[in-house]
Every structure is written in C-alpha cells, then in structure tokens.
C-alpha cells in the first residue's frame, strides 16, 4: 500500500478576490455565492480535499482549509 503525504493550505475568498475574478473573466460573471461554489468545485476538480470552510465577516468572506497531496 502506498502512503500519501498531504500538506494543508488555506485560501481566503472575499469581496476583493471576487472582484478580481469579475475583472479577469468578464465573459463569465458570477454572483458571490456562485463564485464561492466555483472555487470549491475547482479544488475538488484538482483532487484537493476541503477540510473546513470558516465563514468570517458575517459571511462576506470565507477561509477554506484544504489538503494537497505531495507526490
């Protein structure tokens, strides 16, 4: 059995990140909630396991804690 080592990382998603996304991807504007879901889906697509989602600033920002396998 092969042992896999992981490293934990964090991502902070807030209004500034959302605004940056909107400026970069003008052709695919997303509301803030959809942006959060898109970013979580991107982690899943990249085989990164989300361990915890912590809302901050009364739900206007989120700290995402996820694991990345070290290969």
N, C-alpha and C. Protein backbone atom coordinates (compact mmCIF):
# COMPACT_ATOMS: atom_id res chain seq x y z
N UNK A 1 0.84 -1.18 0.00
CA UNK A 1 0.00 0.00 0.00
C UNK A 1 0.88 1.24 0.00
N UNK A 2 0.55 2.19 -0.85
CA UNK A 2 1.33 3.41 -0.98
C UNK A 2 0.79 4.46 -0.01
N UNK A 3 1.68 5.05 0.73
CA UNK A 3 1.31 6.09 1.67
C UNK A 3 1.40 7.45 0.97
N UNK A 4 0.36 8.25 1.15
CA UNK A 4 0.33 9.58 0.54
C UNK A 4 0.49 10.62 1.63
N UNK A 5 1.38 11.56 1.42
CA UNK A 5 1.59 12.66 2.35
C UNK A 5 0.84 13.88 1.85
N UNK A 6 0.23 14.60 2.78
CA UNK A 6 -0.54 15.79 2.44
C UNK A 6 0.03 17.01 3.14
N UNK A 7 -0.21 18.16 2.56
CA UNK A 7 0.10 19.43 3.19
C UNK A 7 -1.21 20.21 3.24
N UNK A 8 -1.45 20.88 4.34
CA UNK A 8 -2.66 21.71 4.46
C UNK A 8 -2.36 23.11 3.92
N UNK A 9 -3.33 23.66 3.22
CA UNK A 9 -3.22 25.02 2.73
C UNK A 9 -4.53 25.75 3.04
N UNK A 10 -4.46 27.06 2.99
CA UNK A 10 -5.67 27.85 3.18
C UNK A 10 -5.87 28.78 1.99
N UNK A 11 -7.11 29.10 1.77
CA UNK A 11 -7.48 30.07 0.74
C UNK A 11 -8.51 30.99 1.37
N UNK A 12 -8.34 32.28 1.20
CA UNK A 12 -9.31 33.24 1.71
C UNK A 12 -10.07 33.81 0.52
N UNK A 13 -11.38 33.61 0.54
CA UNK A 13 -12.22 34.12 -0.53
C UNK A 13 -13.06 35.26 0.04
N UNK A 14 -12.90 36.43 -0.55
CA UNK A 14 -13.60 37.62 -0.07
C UNK A 14 -14.04 38.48 -1.25
N UNK A 15 -14.55 39.63 -0.94
CA UNK A 15 -15.05 40.53 -1.98
C UNK A 15 -13.94 40.95 -2.96
N UNK A 16 -12.74 41.16 -2.45
CA UNK A 16 -11.62 41.55 -3.31
C UNK A 16 -11.28 40.44 -4.31
N UNK A 17 -11.26 39.19 -3.87
CA UNK A 17 -11.00 38.07 -4.79
C UNK A 17 -12.11 37.94 -5.81
N UNK A 18 -13.34 38.15 -5.36
CA UNK A 18 -14.49 38.09 -6.26
C UNK A 18 -14.39 39.18 -7.32
N UNK A 19 -14.05 40.37 -6.89
CA UNK A 19 -13.92 41.49 -7.82
C UNK A 19 -12.80 41.21 -8.83
N UNK A 20 -11.70 40.65 -8.37
CA UNK A 20 -10.59 40.30 -9.26
C UNK A 20 -11.05 39.26 -10.30
N UNK A 21 -11.80 38.28 -9.83
CA UNK A 21 -12.36 37.27 -10.75
C UNK A 21 -13.23 37.94 -11.81
N UNK A 22 -14.12 38.85 -11.38
CA UNK A 22 -15.03 39.51 -12.32
C UNK A 22 -14.27 40.33 -13.36
N UNK A 23 -13.16 40.94 -12.95
CA UNK A 23 -12.37 41.72 -13.89
C UNK A 23 -11.60 40.84 -14.87
N UNK A 24 -11.20 39.66 -14.42
CA UNK A 24 -10.43 38.74 -15.25
C UNK A 24 -11.32 37.96 -16.22
N UNK A 25 -12.46 37.50 -15.71
CA UNK A 25 -13.37 36.66 -16.51
C UNK A 25 -14.65 37.41 -16.80
N UNK A 26 -14.53 38.45 -17.60
CA UNK A 26 -15.66 39.32 -17.91
C UNK A 26 -16.79 38.55 -18.60
N UNK A 27 -16.41 37.56 -19.40
CA UNK A 27 -17.41 36.79 -20.15
C UNK A 27 -18.21 35.82 -19.28
N UNK A 28 -17.76 35.55 -18.06
CA UNK A 28 -18.45 34.62 -17.17
C UNK A 28 -18.67 35.23 -15.79
N UNK A 29 -19.49 36.28 -15.70
CA UNK A 29 -19.70 36.89 -14.38
C UNK A 29 -20.49 35.95 -13.45
N UNK A 30 -20.07 35.89 -12.20
CA UNK A 30 -20.74 35.07 -11.20
C UNK A 30 -21.08 35.93 -10.00
N UNK A 31 -22.22 35.66 -9.39
CA UNK A 31 -22.55 36.28 -8.11
C UNK A 31 -21.58 35.72 -7.07
N UNK A 32 -21.48 36.38 -5.91
CA UNK A 32 -20.50 35.97 -4.89
C UNK A 32 -20.70 34.52 -4.47
N UNK A 33 -21.94 34.11 -4.20
CA UNK A 33 -22.20 32.73 -3.77
C UNK A 33 -21.78 31.73 -4.86
N UNK A 34 -22.07 32.05 -6.10
CA UNK A 34 -21.67 31.17 -7.20
C UNK A 34 -20.15 31.14 -7.36
N UNK A 35 -19.50 32.26 -7.11
CA UNK A 35 -18.04 32.33 -7.14
C UNK A 35 -17.43 31.40 -6.09
N UNK A 36 -17.98 31.42 -4.87
CA UNK A 36 -17.51 30.53 -3.80
C UNK A 36 -17.66 29.07 -4.24
N UNK A 37 -18.84 28.73 -4.76
CA UNK A 37 -19.08 27.36 -5.22
C UNK A 37 -18.15 26.97 -6.35
N UNK A 38 -17.88 27.90 -7.26
CA UNK A 38 -16.96 27.65 -8.36
C UNK A 38 -15.55 27.34 -7.83
N UNK A 39 -15.09 28.13 -6.88
CA UNK A 39 -13.76 27.93 -6.31
C UNK A 39 -13.68 26.60 -5.56
N UNK A 40 -14.73 26.24 -4.83
CA UNK A 40 -14.75 24.94 -4.14
C UNK A 40 -14.74 23.80 -5.16
N UNK A 41 -15.49 23.95 -6.23
CA UNK A 41 -15.50 22.94 -7.29
C UNK A 41 -14.14 22.80 -7.94
N UNK A 42 -13.43 23.91 -8.09
CA UNK A 42 -12.08 23.87 -8.67
C UNK A 42 -11.13 23.07 -7.79
N UNK A 43 -11.27 23.22 -6.48
CA UNK A 43 -10.43 22.43 -5.57
C UNK A 43 -10.75 20.95 -5.73
N UNK A 44 -12.04 20.62 -5.80
CA UNK A 44 -12.46 19.23 -5.98
C UNK A 44 -11.91 18.67 -7.29
N UNK A 45 -12.01 19.45 -8.37
CA UNK A 45 -11.52 19.01 -9.68
C UNK A 45 -10.02 18.76 -9.66
N UNK A 46 -9.30 19.47 -8.82
CA UNK A 46 -7.84 19.32 -8.71
C UNK A 46 -7.44 18.28 -7.66
N UNK A 47 -8.41 17.46 -7.21
CA UNK A 47 -8.17 16.41 -6.21
C UNK A 47 -7.64 16.97 -4.89
N UNK A 48 -8.11 18.12 -4.50
CA UNK A 48 -7.75 18.72 -3.22
C UNK A 48 -8.94 18.57 -2.29
N UNK A 49 -8.71 17.97 -1.13
CA UNK A 49 -9.79 17.69 -0.18
C UNK A 49 -10.04 18.90 0.71
N UNK A 50 -11.26 19.40 0.69
CA UNK A 50 -11.63 20.52 1.56
C UNK A 50 -11.90 19.95 2.95
N UNK A 51 -11.22 20.48 3.95
CA UNK A 51 -11.39 20.02 5.32
C UNK A 51 -12.35 20.90 6.10
N UNK A 52 -12.31 22.19 5.83
CA UNK A 52 -13.13 23.10 6.63
C UNK A 52 -13.40 24.38 5.86
N UNK A 53 -14.61 24.90 6.03
CA UNK A 53 -15.00 26.18 5.47
C UNK A 53 -15.43 27.05 6.64
N UNK A 54 -14.72 28.15 6.85
CA UNK A 54 -14.98 29.01 8.00
C UNK A 54 -15.49 30.36 7.51
N UNK A 55 -16.76 30.67 7.77
CA UNK A 55 -17.26 31.99 7.39
C UNK A 55 -16.72 33.06 8.33
N UNK A 56 -16.33 34.19 7.76
CA UNK A 56 -15.87 35.33 8.56
C UNK A 56 -16.55 36.58 8.02
N UNK A 57 -16.43 37.66 8.72
CA UNK A 57 -17.03 38.94 8.33
C UNK A 57 -18.52 38.78 8.04
N UNK A 58 -19.21 38.08 8.93
CA UNK A 58 -20.65 37.85 8.79
C UNK A 58 -21.02 37.20 7.46
N UNK A 59 -20.21 36.26 7.00
CA UNK A 59 -20.50 35.53 5.77
C UNK A 59 -20.10 36.27 4.50
N UNK A 60 -19.38 37.36 4.64
CA UNK A 60 -18.94 38.10 3.46
C UNK A 60 -17.56 37.66 2.99
N UNK A 61 -16.96 36.72 3.71
CA UNK A 61 -15.66 36.14 3.35
C UNK A 61 -15.59 34.75 3.97
N UNK A 62 -14.73 33.93 3.38
CA UNK A 62 -14.60 32.55 3.85
C UNK A 62 -13.14 32.14 3.86
N UNK A 63 -12.76 31.39 4.88
CA UNK A 63 -11.45 30.75 4.93
C UNK A 63 -11.68 29.29 4.58
N UNK A 64 -11.00 28.83 3.55
CA UNK A 64 -11.11 27.44 3.09
C UNK A 64 -9.82 26.74 3.45
N UNK A 65 -9.94 25.66 4.22
CA UNK A 65 -8.78 24.84 4.58
C UNK A 65 -8.87 23.56 3.78
N UNK A 66 -7.81 23.25 3.03
CA UNK A 66 -7.84 22.06 2.18
C UNK A 66 -6.50 21.36 2.21
N UNK A 67 -6.51 20.09 1.77
CA UNK A 67 -5.29 19.28 1.73
C UNK A 67 -4.85 19.06 0.29
N UNK A 68 -3.54 19.12 0.10
CA UNK A 68 -2.94 18.89 -1.22
C UNK A 68 -1.99 17.70 -1.08
N UNK A 69 -2.18 16.68 -1.92
CA UNK A 69 -1.26 15.54 -1.85
C UNK A 69 0.12 15.92 -2.38
N UNK A 70 1.15 15.45 -1.71
CA UNK A 70 2.53 15.66 -2.15
C UNK A 70 2.94 14.40 -2.88
N UNK A 71 3.31 14.56 -4.12
CA UNK A 71 3.65 13.39 -4.96
C UNK A 71 5.13 13.29 -5.17
